[in-house]
All heavy atoms as atom14 arrays in JSON, in Angstrom:
{
  "sequence": "GGAVRRVPSTELRKGDIVVISQGELVPGDGEVIEGLASIDESA",
  "atom14_mask": [
    [1, 1, 1, 1, 0, 0, 0, 0, 0, 0, 0, 0, 0, 0],
    [1, 1, 1, 1, 0, 0, 0, 0, 0, 0, 0, 0, 0, 0],
    [1, 1, 1, 1, 1, 0, 0, 0, 0, 0, 0, 0, 0, 0],
    [1, 1, 1, 1, 1, 1, 1, 0, 0, 0, 0, 0, 0, 0],
    [1, 1, 1, 1, 1, 1, 1, 1, 1, 1, 1, 0, 0, 0],
    [1, 1, 1, 1, 1, 1, 1, 1, 1, 1, 1, 0, 0, 0],
    [1, 1, 1, 1, 1, 1, 1, 0, 0, 0, 0, 0, 0, 0],
    [1, 1, 1, 1, 1, 1, 1, 0, 0, 0, 0, 0, 0, 0],
    [1, 1, 1, 1, 1, 1, 0, 0, 0, 0, 0, 0, 0, 0],
    [1, 1, 1, 1, 1, 1, 1, 0, 0, 0, 0, 0, 0, 0],
    [1, 1, 1, 1, 1, 1, 1, 1, 1, 0, 0, 0, 0, 0],
    [1, 1, 1, 1, 1, 1, 1, 1, 0, 0, 0, 0, 0, 0],
    [1, 1, 1, 1, 1, 1, 1, 1, 1, 1, 1, 0, 0, 0],
    [1, 1, 1, 1, 1, 1, 1, 1, 1, 0, 0, 0, 0, 0],
    [1, 1, 1, 1, 0, 0, 0, 0, 0, 0, 0, 0, 0, 0],
    [1, 1, 1, 1, 1, 1, 1, 1, 0, 0, 0, 0, 0, 0],
    [1, 1, 1, 1, 1, 1, 1, 1, 0, 0, 0, 0, 0, 0],
    [1, 1, 1, 1, 1, 1, 1, 0, 0, 0, 0, 0, 0, 0],
    [1, 1, 1, 1, 1, 1, 1, 0, 0, 0, 0, 0, 0, 0],
    [1, 1, 1, 1, 1, 1, 1, 1, 0, 0, 0, 0, 0, 0],
    [1, 1, 1, 1, 1, 1, 0, 0, 0, 0, 0, 0, 0, 0],
    [1, 1, 1, 1, 1, 1, 1, 1, 1, 0, 0, 0, 0, 0],
    [1, 1, 1, 1, 0, 0, 0, 0, 0, 0, 0, 0, 0, 0],
    [1, 1, 1, 1, 1, 1, 1, 1, 1, 0, 0, 0, 0, 0],
    [1, 1, 1, 1, 1, 1, 1, 1, 0, 0, 0, 0, 0, 0],
    [1, 1, 1, 1, 1, 1, 1, 0, 0, 0, 0, 0, 0, 0],
    [1, 1, 1, 1, 1, 1, 1, 0, 0, 0, 0, 0, 0, 0],
    [1, 1, 1, 1, 0, 0, 0, 0, 0, 0, 0, 0, 0, 0],
    [1, 1, 1, 1, 1, 1, 1, 1, 0, 0, 0, 0, 0, 0],
    [1, 1, 1, 1, 0, 0, 0, 0, 0, 0, 0, 0, 0, 0],
    [1, 1, 1, 1, 1, 1, 1, 1, 1, 0, 0, 0, 0, 0],
    [1, 1, 1, 1, 1, 1, 1, 0, 0, 0, 0, 0, 0, 0],
    [1, 1, 1, 1, 1, 1, 1, 1, 0, 0, 0, 0, 0, 0],
    [1, 1, 1, 1, 1, 1, 1, 1, 1, 0, 0, 0, 0, 0],
    [1, 1, 1, 1, 0, 0, 0, 0, 0, 0, 0, 0, 0, 0],
    [1, 1, 1, 1, 1, 1, 1, 1, 0, 0, 0, 0, 0, 0],
    [1, 1, 1, 1, 1, 0, 0, 0, 0, 0, 0, 0, 0, 0],
    [1, 1, 1, 1, 1, 1, 0, 0, 0, 0, 0, 0, 0, 0],
    [1, 1, 1, 1, 1, 1, 1, 1, 0, 0, 0, 0, 0, 0],
    [1, 1, 1, 1, 1, 1, 1, 1, 0, 0, 0, 0, 0, 0],
    [1, 1, 1, 1, 1, 1, 1, 1, 1, 0, 0, 0, 0, 0],
    [1, 1, 1, 1, 1, 1, 0, 0, 0, 0, 0, 0, 0, 0],
    [1, 1, 1, 1, 1, 0, 0, 0, 0, 0, 0, 0, 0, 0]
  ],
  "atom14_positions": [
    [[-12.91, -7.06, 3.18], [-14.09, -7.8, 2.77], [-14.18, -8.02, 1.27], [-15.29, -8.07, 0.72], [0.0, 0.0, 0.0], [0.0, 0.0, 0.0], [0.0, 0.0, 0.0], [0.0, 0.0, 0.0], [0.0, 0.0, 0.0], [0.0, 0.0, 0.0], [0.0, 0.0, 0.0], [0.0, 0.0, 0.0], [0.0, 0.0, 0.0], [0.0, 0.0, 0.0]],
    [[-13.03, -8.1, 0.62], [-13.03, -8.32, -0.82], [-13.22, -7.07, -1.65], [-13.15, -7.11, -2.88], [0.0, 0.0, 0.0], [0.0, 0.0, 0.0], [0.0, 0.0, 0.0], [0.0, 0.0, 0.0], [0.0, 0.0, 0.0], [0.0, 0.0, 0.0], [0.0, 0.0, 0.0], [0.0, 0.0, 0.0], [0.0, 0.0, 0.0], [0.0, 0.0, 0.0]],
    [[-13.45, -5.93, -1.0], [-13.64, -4.66, -1.71], [-12.52, -3.69, -1.35], [-11.93, -3.77, -0.27], [-15.0, -4.05, -1.34], [0.0, 0.0, 0.0], [0.0, 0.0, 0.0], [0.0, 0.0, 0.0], [0.0, 0.0, 0.0], [0.0, 0.0, 0.0], [0.0, 0.0, 0.0], [0.0, 0.0, 0.0], [0.0, 0.0, 0.0], [0.0, 0.0, 0.0]],
    [[-12.24, -2.77, -2.26], [-11.21, -1.76, -2.04], [-11.87, -0.45, -1.62], [-12.8, 0.02, -2.26], [-10.36, -1.54, -3.31], [-9.38, -0.4, -3.11], [-9.61, -2.81, -3.68], [0.0, 0.0, 0.0], [0.0, 0.0, 0.0], [0.0, 0.0, 0.0], [0.0, 0.0, 0.0], [0.0, 0.0, 0.0], [0.0, 0.0, 0.0], [0.0, 0.0, 0.0]],
    [[-11.37, 0.13, -0.53], [-11.94, 1.38, -0.01], [-10.82, 2.41, 0.14], [-9.75, 2.11, 0.66], [-12.61, 1.11, 1.34], [-13.32, 2.32, 1.94], [-14.26, 1.87, 3.06], [-13.54, 1.18, 4.12], [-13.04, 1.78, 5.2], [-13.19, 3.09, 5.35], [-12.41, 1.09, 6.13], [0.0, 0.0, 0.0], [0.0, 0.0, 0.0], [0.0, 0.0, 0.0]],
    [[-11.06, 3.63, -0.33], [-10.08, 4.71, -0.24], [-10.12, 5.31, 1.17], [-11.17, 5.79, 1.62], [-10.37, 5.81, -1.26], [-10.26, 5.35, -2.7], [-8.82, 5.37, -3.19], [-8.3, 6.71, -3.39], [-7.05, 6.97, -3.73], [-6.18, 5.98, -3.89], [-6.64, 8.21, -3.9], [0.0, 0.0, 0.0], [0.0, 0.0, 0.0], [0.0, 0.0, 0.0]],
    [[-8.97, 5.28, 1.86], [-8.91, 5.82, 3.22], [-7.61, 6.62, 3.36], [-6.62, 6.37, 2.66], [-8.94, 4.7, 4.29], [-10.23, 3.9, 4.19], [-7.72, 3.79, 4.16], [0.0, 0.0, 0.0], [0.0, 0.0, 0.0], [0.0, 0.0, 0.0], [0.0, 0.0, 0.0], [0.0, 0.0, 0.0], [0.0, 0.0, 0.0], [0.0, 0.0, 0.0]],
    [[-7.57, 7.6, 4.27], [-6.31, 8.31, 4.53], [-5.28, 7.36, 5.15], [-5.65, 6.45, 5.9], [-6.73, 9.4, 5.54], [-8.21, 9.51, 5.41], [-8.7, 8.16, 5.04], [0.0, 0.0, 0.0], [0.0, 0.0, 0.0], [0.0, 0.0, 0.0], [0.0, 0.0, 0.0], [0.0, 0.0, 0.0], [0.0, 0.0, 0.0], [0.0, 0.0, 0.0]],
    [[-4.02, 7.57, 4.86], [-2.97, 6.67, 5.37], [-2.91, 6.67, 6.89], [-2.47, 5.7, 7.5], [-1.61, 7.07, 4.78], [-1.29, 8.41, 5.14], [0.0, 0.0, 0.0], [0.0, 0.0, 0.0], [0.0, 0.0, 0.0], [0.0, 0.0, 0.0], [0.0, 0.0, 0.0], [0.0, 0.0, 0.0], [0.0, 0.0, 0.0], [0.0, 0.0, 0.0]],
    [[-3.36, 7.77, 7.52], [-3.32, 7.84, 8.98], [-4.3, 6.88, 9.63], [-4.2, 6.6, 10.83], [-3.64, 9.27, 9.45], [-4.86, 9.71, 8.83], [-2.51, 10.22, 9.1], [0.0, 0.0, 0.0], [0.0, 0.0, 0.0], [0.0, 0.0, 0.0], [0.0, 0.0, 0.0], [0.0, 0.0, 0.0], [0.0, 0.0, 0.0], [0.0, 0.0, 0.0]],
    [[-5.25, 6.37, 8.86], [-6.23, 5.42, 9.4], [-5.74, 3.97, 9.32], [-6.38, 3.07, 9.87], [-7.57, 5.55, 8.68], [-8.28, 6.87, 8.94], [-9.66, 6.91, 8.3], [-10.13, 5.84, 7.83], [-10.26, 8.01, 8.25], [0.0, 0.0, 0.0], [0.0, 0.0, 0.0], [0.0, 0.0, 0.0], [0.0, 0.0, 0.0], [0.0, 0.0, 0.0]],
    [[-4.62, 3.75, 8.62], [-4.12, 2.39, 8.46], [-3.5, 1.9, 9.77], [-2.86, 2.67, 10.49], [-3.08, 2.33, 7.35], [-3.58, 2.63, 5.92], [-2.42, 2.63, 4.95], [-4.63, 1.6, 5.49], [0.0, 0.0, 0.0], [0.0, 0.0, 0.0], [0.0, 0.0, 0.0], [0.0, 0.0, 0.0], [0.0, 0.0, 0.0], [0.0, 0.0, 0.0]],
    [[-3.7, 0.63, 10.04], [-3.14, 0.01, 11.23], [-2.37, -1.25, 10.84], [-2.56, -1.79, 9.74], [-4.25, -0.34, 12.24], [-4.98, 0.87, 12.81], [-4.05, 1.72, 13.67], [-4.73, 2.87, 14.27], [-4.83, 4.07, 13.71], [-4.29, 4.27, 12.51], [-5.43, 5.06, 14.34], [0.0, 0.0, 0.0], [0.0, 0.0, 0.0], [0.0, 0.0, 0.0]],
    [[-1.53, -1.69, 11.75], [-0.74, -2.9, 11.51], [-1.67, -4.06, 11.15], [-2.66, -4.31, 11.84], [0.07, -3.24, 12.75], [1.09, -4.35, 12.55], [1.82, -4.67, 13.84], [2.65, -3.51, 14.33], [3.46, -3.85, 15.53], [0.0, 0.0, 0.0], [0.0, 0.0, 0.0], [0.0, 0.0, 0.0], [0.0, 0.0, 0.0], [0.0, 0.0, 0.0]],
    [[-1.33, -4.75, 10.06], [-2.14, -5.89, 9.61], [-3.08, -5.57, 8.47], [-3.58, -6.49, 7.8], [0.0, 0.0, 0.0], [0.0, 0.0, 0.0], [0.0, 0.0, 0.0], [0.0, 0.0, 0.0], [0.0, 0.0, 0.0], [0.0, 0.0, 0.0], [0.0, 0.0, 0.0], [0.0, 0.0, 0.0], [0.0, 0.0, 0.0], [0.0, 0.0, 0.0]],
    [[-3.34, -4.27, 8.21], [-4.22, -3.91, 7.09], [-3.56, -4.26, 5.75], [-2.33, -4.22, 5.61], [-4.53, -2.41, 7.11], [-5.47, -2.03, 8.25], [-6.1, -2.94, 8.79], [-5.56, -0.82, 8.57], [0.0, 0.0, 0.0], [0.0, 0.0, 0.0], [0.0, 0.0, 0.0], [0.0, 0.0, 0.0], [0.0, 0.0, 0.0], [0.0, 0.0, 0.0]],
    [[-4.41, -4.6, 4.77], [-3.93, -4.92, 3.42], [-4.28, -3.77, 2.49], [-5.43, -3.3, 2.47], [-4.56, -6.23, 2.88], [-4.38, -7.38, 3.88], [-3.97, -6.59, 1.53], [-2.95, -7.76, 4.13], [0.0, 0.0, 0.0], [0.0, 0.0, 0.0], [0.0, 0.0, 0.0], [0.0, 0.0, 0.0], [0.0, 0.0, 0.0], [0.0, 0.0, 0.0]],
    [[-3.29, -3.3, 1.73], [-3.53, -2.22, 0.77], [-3.05, -2.64, -0.61], [-2.13, -3.47, -0.75], [-2.83, -0.91, 1.18], [-3.41, -0.37, 2.47], [-1.33, -1.11, 1.31], [0.0, 0.0, 0.0], [0.0, 0.0, 0.0], [0.0, 0.0, 0.0], [0.0, 0.0, 0.0], [0.0, 0.0, 0.0], [0.0, 0.0, 0.0], [0.0, 0.0, 0.0]],
    [[-3.7, -2.08, -1.64], [-3.31, -2.31, -3.03], [-2.67, -1.03, -3.55], [-3.26, 0.06, -3.43], [-4.53, -2.68, -3.89], [-4.1, -2.9, -5.34], [-5.21, -3.93, -3.35], [0.0, 0.0, 0.0], [0.0, 0.0, 0.0], [0.0, 0.0, 0.0], [0.0, 0.0, 0.0], [0.0, 0.0, 0.0], [0.0, 0.0, 0.0], [0.0, 0.0, 0.0]],
    [[-1.47, -1.14, -4.1], [-0.74, 0.04, -4.58], [-0.41, -0.15, -6.04], [0.23, -1.14, -6.43], [0.55, 0.27, -3.78], [0.28, 0.17, -2.27], [1.16, 1.62, -4.11], [1.52, 0.09, -1.42], [0.0, 0.0, 0.0], [0.0, 0.0, 0.0], [0.0, 0.0, 0.0], [0.0, 0.0, 0.0], [0.0, 0.0, 0.0], [0.0, 0.0, 0.0]],
    [[-0.85, 0.78, -6.87], [-0.66, 0.68, -8.32], [0.42, 1.64, -8.79], [0.92, 2.47, -8.01], [-1.98, 0.96, -9.04], [-2.98, 0.07, -8.63], [0.0, 0.0, 0.0], [0.0, 0.0, 0.0], [0.0, 0.0, 0.0], [0.0, 0.0, 0.0], [0.0, 0.0, 0.0], [0.0, 0.0, 0.0], [0.0, 0.0, 0.0], [0.0, 0.0, 0.0]],
    [[0.76, 1.54, -10.07], [1.8, 2.38, -10.67], [1.5, 3.86, -10.44], [0.39, 4.34, -10.63], [1.89, 2.09, -12.17], [2.95, 2.91, -12.89], [3.05, 2.53, -14.36], [2.58, 1.48, -14.76], [3.65, 3.39, -15.16], [0.0, 0.0, 0.0], [0.0, 0.0, 0.0], [0.0, 0.0, 0.0], [0.0, 0.0, 0.0], [0.0, 0.0, 0.0]],
    [[2.53, 4.59, -9.99], [2.41, 6.03, -9.77], [1.94, 6.41, -8.38], [1.98, 7.59, -8.03], [0.0, 0.0, 0.0], [0.0, 0.0, 0.0], [0.0, 0.0, 0.0], [0.0, 0.0, 0.0], [0.0, 0.0, 0.0], [0.0, 0.0, 0.0], [0.0, 0.0, 0.0], [0.0, 0.0, 0.0], [0.0, 0.0, 0.0], [0.0, 0.0, 0.0]],
    [[1.51, 5.45, -7.58], [1.0, 5.76, -6.25], [2.1, 5.66, -5.2], [3.05, 4.89, -5.34], [-0.15, 4.82, -5.88], [-1.39, 5.01, -6.74], [-2.51, 4.06, -6.35], [-2.24, 3.01, -5.72], [-3.67, 4.37, -6.67], [0.0, 0.0, 0.0], [0.0, 0.0, 0.0], [0.0, 0.0, 0.0], [0.0, 0.0, 0.0], [0.0, 0.0, 0.0]],
    [[1.93, 6.43, -4.11], [2.87, 6.37, -2.99], [2.5, 5.22, -2.07], [1.32, 4.91, -1.88], [2.84, 7.68, -2.19], [3.45, 8.92, -2.85], [3.17, 10.14, -1.99], [4.94, 8.75, -3.06], [0.0, 0.0, 0.0], [0.0, 0.0, 0.0], [0.0, 0.0, 0.0], [0.0, 0.0, 0.0], [0.0, 0.0, 0.0], [0.0, 0.0, 0.0]],
    [[3.54, 4.6, -1.51], [3.31, 3.55, -0.51], [2.83, 4.26, 0.76], [3.52, 5.12, 1.29], [4.61, 2.77, -0.23], [4.39, 1.75, 0.87], [5.09, 2.08, -1.5], [0.0, 0.0, 0.0], [0.0, 0.0, 0.0], [0.0, 0.0, 0.0], [0.0, 0.0, 0.0], [0.0, 0.0, 0.0], [0.0, 0.0, 0.0], [0.0, 0.0, 0.0]],
    [[1.62, 3.94, 1.26], [1.04, 4.7, 2.37], [1.64, 4.41, 3.74], [1.42, 5.15, 4.69], [-0.43, 4.28, 2.34], [-0.41, 2.91, 1.76], [0.71, 2.89, 0.77], [0.0, 0.0, 0.0], [0.0, 0.0, 0.0], [0.0, 0.0, 0.0], [0.0, 0.0, 0.0], [0.0, 0.0, 0.0], [0.0, 0.0, 0.0], [0.0, 0.0, 0.0]],
    [[2.4, 3.34, 3.87], [3.0, 3.01, 5.16], [3.96, 1.84, 5.02], [3.99, 1.16, 3.98], [0.0, 0.0, 0.0], [0.0, 0.0, 0.0], [0.0, 0.0, 0.0], [0.0, 0.0, 0.0], [0.0, 0.0, 0.0], [0.0, 0.0, 0.0], [0.0, 0.0, 0.0], [0.0, 0.0, 0.0], [0.0, 0.0, 0.0], [0.0, 0.0, 0.0]],
    [[4.77, 1.61, 6.06], [5.7, 0.48, 6.02], [4.93, -0.83, 5.91], [3.88, -1.0, 6.53], [6.54, 0.45, 7.3], [7.49, 1.62, 7.4], [7.53, 2.42, 6.45], [8.17, 1.75, 8.43], [0.0, 0.0, 0.0], [0.0, 0.0, 0.0], [0.0, 0.0, 0.0], [0.0, 0.0, 0.0], [0.0, 0.0, 0.0], [0.0, 0.0, 0.0]],
    [[5.48, -1.75, 5.14], [4.8, -3.03, 5.01], [5.62, -4.06, 4.27], [6.79, -3.83, 3.93], [0.0, 0.0, 0.0], [0.0, 0.0, 0.0], [0.0, 0.0, 0.0], [0.0, 0.0, 0.0], [0.0, 0.0, 0.0], [0.0, 0.0, 0.0], [0.0, 0.0, 0.0], [0.0, 0.0, 0.0], [0.0, 0.0, 0.0], [0.0, 0.0, 0.0]],
    [[5.0, -5.21, 4.02], [5.62, -6.3, 3.28], [4.74, -6.68, 2.11], [3.51, -6.79, 2.25], [5.83, -7.51, 4.19], [6.95, -7.34, 5.18], [7.27, -8.63, 5.92], [6.34, -9.21, 6.52], [8.44, -9.05, 5.89], [0.0, 0.0, 0.0], [0.0, 0.0, 0.0], [0.0, 0.0, 0.0], [0.0, 0.0, 0.0], [0.0, 0.0, 0.0]],
    [[5.37, -6.88, 0.95], [4.63, -7.29, -0.25], [4.16, -8.72, -0.05], [4.96, -9.62, 0.24], [5.52, -7.18, -1.5], [4.73, -7.6, -2.74], [6.06, -5.77, -1.67], [0.0, 0.0, 0.0], [0.0, 0.0, 0.0], [0.0, 0.0, 0.0], [0.0, 0.0, 0.0], [0.0, 0.0, 0.0], [0.0, 0.0, 0.0], [0.0, 0.0, 0.0]],
    [[2.86, -8.94, -0.2], [2.31, -10.3, -0.06], [1.82, -10.87, -1.38], [1.55, -12.06, -1.48], [1.16, -10.33, 0.97], [0.03, -9.38, 0.56], [1.67, -9.98, 2.36], [-1.2, -9.48, 1.45], [0.0, 0.0, 0.0], [0.0, 0.0, 0.0], [0.0, 0.0, 0.0], [0.0, 0.0, 0.0], [0.0, 0.0, 0.0], [0.0, 0.0, 0.0]],
    [[1.76, -9.99, -2.39], [1.36, -10.47, -3.71], [1.86, -9.5, -4.77], [1.72, -8.29, -4.65], [-0.17, -10.58, -3.79], [-0.66, -11.2, -5.1], [-2.17, -11.35, -5.14], [-2.73, -11.88, -4.15], [-2.78, -10.93, -6.15], [0.0, 0.0, 0.0], [0.0, 0.0, 0.0], [0.0, 0.0, 0.0], [0.0, 0.0, 0.0], [0.0, 0.0, 0.0]],
    [[2.45, -10.06, -5.83], [2.89, -9.24, -6.95], [4.36, -8.85, -6.89], [5.1, -9.24, -5.98], [0.0, 0.0, 0.0], [0.0, 0.0, 0.0], [0.0, 0.0, 0.0], [0.0, 0.0, 0.0], [0.0, 0.0, 0.0], [0.0, 0.0, 0.0], [0.0, 0.0, 0.0], [0.0, 0.0, 0.0], [0.0, 0.0, 0.0], [0.0, 0.0, 0.0]],
    [[4.75, -8.06, -7.88], [6.13, -7.6, -8.04], [6.08, -6.21, -8.65], [5.27, -5.96, -9.55], [6.9, -8.57, -8.93], [8.35, -8.24, -9.31], [9.14, -9.53, -9.48], [8.42, -7.43, -10.6], [0.0, 0.0, 0.0], [0.0, 0.0, 0.0], [0.0, 0.0, 0.0], [0.0, 0.0, 0.0], [0.0, 0.0, 0.0], [0.0, 0.0, 0.0]],
    [[6.92, -5.29, -8.15], [6.89, -3.93, -8.68], [8.24, -3.25, -8.5], [9.04, -3.63, -7.64], [5.8, -3.11, -7.96], [0.0, 0.0, 0.0], [0.0, 0.0, 0.0], [0.0, 0.0, 0.0], [0.0, 0.0, 0.0], [0.0, 0.0, 0.0], [0.0, 0.0, 0.0], [0.0, 0.0, 0.0], [0.0, 0.0, 0.0], [0.0, 0.0, 0.0]],
    [[8.48, -2.23, -9.33], [9.65, -1.37, -9.18], [9.28, -0.23, -8.24], [8.23, 0.4, -8.41], [10.1, -0.81, -10.53], [10.53, -1.83, -11.38], [0.0, 0.0, 0.0], [0.0, 0.0, 0.0], [0.0, 0.0, 0.0], [0.0, 0.0, 0.0], [0.0, 0.0, 0.0], [0.0, 0.0, 0.0], [0.0, 0.0, 0.0], [0.0, 0.0, 0.0]],
    [[10.14, 0.05, -7.27], [9.87, 1.08, -6.26], [10.94, 2.16, -6.33], [12.13, 1.87, -6.32], [9.84, 0.48, -4.84], [8.91, -0.72, -4.76], [9.46, 1.55, -3.83], [7.45, -0.4, -4.84], [0.0, 0.0, 0.0], [0.0, 0.0, 0.0], [0.0, 0.0, 0.0], [0.0, 0.0, 0.0], [0.0, 0.0, 0.0], [0.0, 0.0, 0.0]],
    [[10.5, 3.42, -6.41], [11.42, 4.55, -6.36], [11.63, 4.91, -4.89], [10.72, 5.42, -4.22], [10.81, 5.73, -7.12], [11.67, 6.99, -7.03], [12.79, 6.9, -6.5], [11.2, 8.05, -7.48], [0.0, 0.0, 0.0], [0.0, 0.0, 0.0], [0.0, 0.0, 0.0], [0.0, 0.0, 0.0], [0.0, 0.0, 0.0], [0.0, 0.0, 0.0]],
    [[12.84, 4.65, -4.37], [13.15, 4.92, -2.97], [14.08, 6.12, -2.8], [14.73, 6.27, -1.78], [13.79, 3.68, -2.32], [12.86, 2.48, -2.24], [13.44, 1.35, -1.42], [14.68, 1.18, -1.45], [12.67, 0.65, -0.74], [0.0, 0.0, 0.0], [0.0, 0.0, 0.0], [0.0, 0.0, 0.0], [0.0, 0.0, 0.0], [0.0, 0.0, 0.0]],
    [[14.14, 6.99, -3.82], [15.1, 8.1, -3.79], [14.84, 9.04, -2.62], [15.77, 9.68, -2.12], [15.05, 8.88, -5.11], [13.73, 9.35, -5.37], [0.0, 0.0, 0.0], [0.0, 0.0, 0.0], [0.0, 0.0, 0.0], [0.0, 0.0, 0.0], [0.0, 0.0, 0.0], [0.0, 0.0, 0.0], [0.0, 0.0, 0.0], [0.0, 0.0, 0.0]],
    [[13.58, 9.14, -2.17], [13.28, 10.01, -1.04], [13.96, 9.53, 0.23], [14.23, 10.31, 1.14], [11.77, 10.08, -0.83], [0.0, 0.0, 0.0], [0.0, 0.0, 0.0], [0.0, 0.0, 0.0], [0.0, 0.0, 0.0], [0.0, 0.0, 0.0], [0.0, 0.0, 0.0], [0.0, 0.0, 0.0], [0.0, 0.0, 0.0], [0.0, 0.0, 0.0]]
  ]
}
């Protein structure tokens, strides 16, 4: 609804949109729909 809400990753479902900033973990598998970023995938 145009607002950002903090939720546990276990509550995310397919189709949800999340915003991920520098230093944060990607909460689930997904596709980038806006922006560009460097991702550490060493894990």
